[in-house]
């Protein structure tokens, strides 16, 4: 989990558009971020396995 201060800083509008930091809304992680869902890869997998993301199902080979 990211520190609360870091998450709040990321929510502010940056001075320049290239400085925007996209963070997971559940845990605050910035790496492995999926824009379509506003989640990091870890939270995405947890929610998908629980069936809380509509239209997403686990693929098996």
N, C-alpha and C. Protein backbone atom coordinates (compact mmCIF):
# COMPACT_ATOMS: atom_id res chain seq x y z
N UNK A 1 0.84 -1.18 0.00
CA UNK A 1 0.00 0.00 0.00
C UNK A 1 0.89 1.25 0.00
N UNK A 2 0.51 2.21 -0.80
CA UNK A 2 1.23 3.47 -0.85
C UNK A 2 0.83 4.34 0.33
N UNK A 3 1.74 5.21 0.74
CA UNK A 3 1.44 6.13 1.83
C UNK A 3 0.29 7.05 1.43
N UNK A 4 -0.48 7.45 2.41
CA UNK A 4 -1.64 8.31 2.15
C UNK A 4 -1.22 9.62 1.51
N UNK A 5 -0.09 10.18 1.96
CA UNK A 5 0.37 11.46 1.42
C UNK A 5 0.73 11.34 -0.06
N UNK A 6 1.30 10.21 -0.46
CA UNK A 6 1.68 9.99 -1.85
C UNK A 6 0.44 9.87 -2.73
N UNK A 7 -0.57 9.18 -2.23
CA UNK A 7 -1.81 9.00 -2.99
C UNK A 7 -2.51 10.36 -3.16
N UNK A 8 -2.56 11.15 -2.09
CA UNK A 8 -3.20 12.47 -2.16
C UNK A 8 -2.45 13.39 -3.12
N UNK A 9 -1.12 13.31 -3.14
CA UNK A 9 -0.33 14.13 -4.05
C UNK A 9 -0.63 13.76 -5.50
N UNK A 10 -0.85 12.47 -5.77
CA UNK A 10 -1.15 12.01 -7.13
C UNK A 10 -2.52 12.48 -7.59
N UNK A 11 -3.45 12.72 -6.65
CA UNK A 11 -4.80 13.16 -7.02
C UNK A 11 -4.85 14.62 -7.45
N UNK A 12 -3.87 15.41 -7.02
CA UNK A 12 -3.84 16.83 -7.39
C UNK A 12 -3.54 16.99 -8.88
N UNK A 13 -4.07 18.05 -9.45
CA UNK A 13 -3.79 18.33 -10.86
C UNK A 13 -2.35 18.81 -10.99
N UNK A 14 -1.55 18.15 -11.85
CA UNK A 14 -0.14 18.53 -11.98
C UNK A 14 0.03 19.82 -12.79
N UNK A 15 1.18 20.45 -12.60
CA UNK A 15 1.48 21.68 -13.31
C UNK A 15 1.58 21.42 -14.82
N UNK A 16 2.15 20.28 -15.17
CA UNK A 16 2.28 19.89 -16.58
C UNK A 16 1.61 18.53 -16.77
N UNK A 17 0.99 18.34 -17.91
CA UNK A 17 0.22 17.11 -18.15
C UNK A 17 1.10 15.86 -18.18
N UNK A 18 2.39 16.02 -18.48
CA UNK A 18 3.27 14.86 -18.53
C UNK A 18 3.64 14.35 -17.14
N UNK A 19 3.33 15.10 -16.12
CA UNK A 19 3.66 14.70 -14.75
C UNK A 19 2.55 13.89 -14.07
N UNK A 20 1.49 13.60 -14.79
CA UNK A 20 0.38 12.87 -14.19
C UNK A 20 0.84 11.47 -13.78
N UNK A 21 0.41 11.04 -12.60
CA UNK A 21 0.74 9.71 -12.09
C UNK A 21 -0.57 8.98 -11.88
N UNK A 22 -0.77 7.91 -12.61
CA UNK A 22 -2.00 7.13 -12.47
C UNK A 22 -1.76 6.06 -11.43
N UNK A 23 -2.65 5.99 -10.44
CA UNK A 23 -2.51 5.04 -9.36
C UNK A 23 -3.78 4.22 -9.21
N UNK A 24 -3.62 3.01 -8.72
CA UNK A 24 -4.74 2.13 -8.43
C UNK A 24 -5.59 2.77 -7.34
N UNK A 25 -6.91 2.77 -7.53
CA UNK A 25 -7.76 3.42 -6.53
C UNK A 25 -7.94 2.56 -5.29
N UNK A 26 -7.62 1.27 -5.37
CA UNK A 26 -7.74 0.40 -4.19
C UNK A 26 -6.51 0.45 -3.30
N UNK A 27 -5.32 0.34 -3.89
CA UNK A 27 -4.11 0.21 -3.07
C UNK A 27 -3.11 1.35 -3.28
N UNK A 28 -3.23 2.11 -4.36
CA UNK A 28 -2.32 3.22 -4.60
C UNK A 28 -1.08 2.87 -5.40
N UNK A 29 -1.00 1.64 -5.87
CA UNK A 29 0.17 1.20 -6.64
C UNK A 29 0.21 1.93 -7.98
N UNK A 30 1.42 2.32 -8.43
CA UNK A 30 1.52 3.04 -9.70
C UNK A 30 2.08 2.19 -10.83
N UNK A 31 2.79 1.13 -10.52
CA UNK A 31 3.32 0.26 -11.57
C UNK A 31 2.33 -0.86 -11.85
N UNK A 32 2.28 -1.31 -13.10
CA UNK A 32 1.36 -2.38 -13.47
C UNK A 32 -0.09 -1.91 -13.46
N UNK A 33 -0.32 -0.67 -13.89
CA UNK A 33 -1.63 -0.04 -13.84
C UNK A 33 -2.39 -0.30 -15.13
N UNK A 34 -3.65 -0.72 -15.02
CA UNK A 34 -4.51 -0.96 -16.18
C UNK A 34 -5.50 0.20 -16.28
N UNK A 35 -5.36 1.02 -17.30
CA UNK A 35 -6.19 2.22 -17.43
C UNK A 35 -7.68 1.92 -17.59
N UNK A 36 -8.00 0.84 -18.28
CA UNK A 36 -9.41 0.52 -18.53
C UNK A 36 -10.18 0.30 -17.24
N UNK A 37 -9.50 -0.16 -16.22
CA UNK A 37 -10.17 -0.50 -14.97
C UNK A 37 -9.74 0.38 -13.79
N UNK A 38 -8.76 1.24 -13.98
CA UNK A 38 -8.18 2.06 -12.89
C UNK A 38 -7.70 1.19 -11.74
N UNK A 39 -7.14 0.03 -12.07
CA UNK A 39 -6.63 -0.90 -11.08
C UNK A 39 -5.22 -1.33 -11.43
N UNK A 40 -4.46 -1.73 -10.42
CA UNK A 40 -3.16 -2.34 -10.69
C UNK A 40 -3.40 -3.81 -11.05
N UNK A 41 -2.38 -4.46 -11.53
CA UNK A 41 -2.53 -5.84 -11.98
C UNK A 41 -2.91 -6.78 -10.85
N UNK A 42 -2.44 -6.50 -9.65
CA UNK A 42 -2.71 -7.37 -8.52
C UNK A 42 -4.18 -7.27 -8.09
N UNK A 43 -4.67 -6.04 -7.94
CA UNK A 43 -6.07 -5.84 -7.57
C UNK A 43 -7.00 -6.33 -8.67
N UNK A 44 -6.59 -6.15 -9.93
CA UNK A 44 -7.39 -6.63 -11.05
C UNK A 44 -7.57 -8.14 -10.96
N UNK A 45 -6.48 -8.84 -10.69
CA UNK A 45 -6.54 -10.29 -10.61
C UNK A 45 -7.41 -10.75 -9.43
N UNK A 46 -7.28 -10.08 -8.28
CA UNK A 46 -8.09 -10.44 -7.11
C UNK A 46 -9.58 -10.27 -7.40
N UNK A 47 -9.94 -9.13 -7.99
CA UNK A 47 -11.35 -8.87 -8.27
C UNK A 47 -11.89 -9.78 -9.37
N UNK A 48 -11.06 -10.07 -10.37
CA UNK A 48 -11.50 -10.95 -11.45
C UNK A 48 -11.72 -12.37 -10.94
N UNK A 49 -10.85 -12.84 -10.06
CA UNK A 49 -11.02 -14.20 -9.52
C UNK A 49 -12.25 -14.31 -8.63
N UNK A 50 -12.63 -13.22 -7.98
CA UNK A 50 -13.83 -13.22 -7.14
C UNK A 50 -15.10 -13.02 -7.98
N UNK A 51 -14.93 -12.68 -9.26
CA UNK A 51 -16.07 -12.49 -10.14
C UNK A 51 -16.73 -11.13 -9.99
N UNK A 52 -15.99 -10.14 -9.49
CA UNK A 52 -16.55 -8.81 -9.27
C UNK A 52 -16.39 -7.87 -10.46
N UNK A 53 -15.66 -8.30 -11.48
CA UNK A 53 -15.51 -7.50 -12.70
C UNK A 53 -16.36 -8.13 -13.80
N UNK A 54 -17.42 -7.45 -14.22
CA UNK A 54 -18.29 -8.04 -15.24
C UNK A 54 -17.56 -8.17 -16.58
N UNK A 55 -17.78 -9.29 -17.24
CA UNK A 55 -17.20 -9.53 -18.55
C UNK A 55 -15.79 -10.09 -18.52
N UNK A 56 -15.24 -10.30 -17.35
CA UNK A 56 -13.88 -10.83 -17.22
C UNK A 56 -13.96 -12.24 -16.68
N UNK A 57 -13.30 -13.17 -17.35
CA UNK A 57 -13.22 -14.52 -16.82
C UNK A 57 -11.80 -15.04 -17.02
N UNK A 58 -11.42 -15.93 -16.15
CA UNK A 58 -10.07 -16.48 -16.19
C UNK A 58 -9.94 -17.42 -17.37
N UNK A 59 -8.89 -17.22 -18.12
CA UNK A 59 -8.66 -18.11 -19.25
C UNK A 59 -7.76 -19.27 -18.79
N UNK A 60 -8.00 -20.43 -19.32
CA UNK A 60 -7.17 -21.58 -18.98
C UNK A 60 -6.76 -22.26 -20.28
N UNK A 61 -5.58 -22.82 -20.28
CA UNK A 61 -5.03 -23.39 -21.50
C UNK A 61 -5.29 -24.86 -21.58
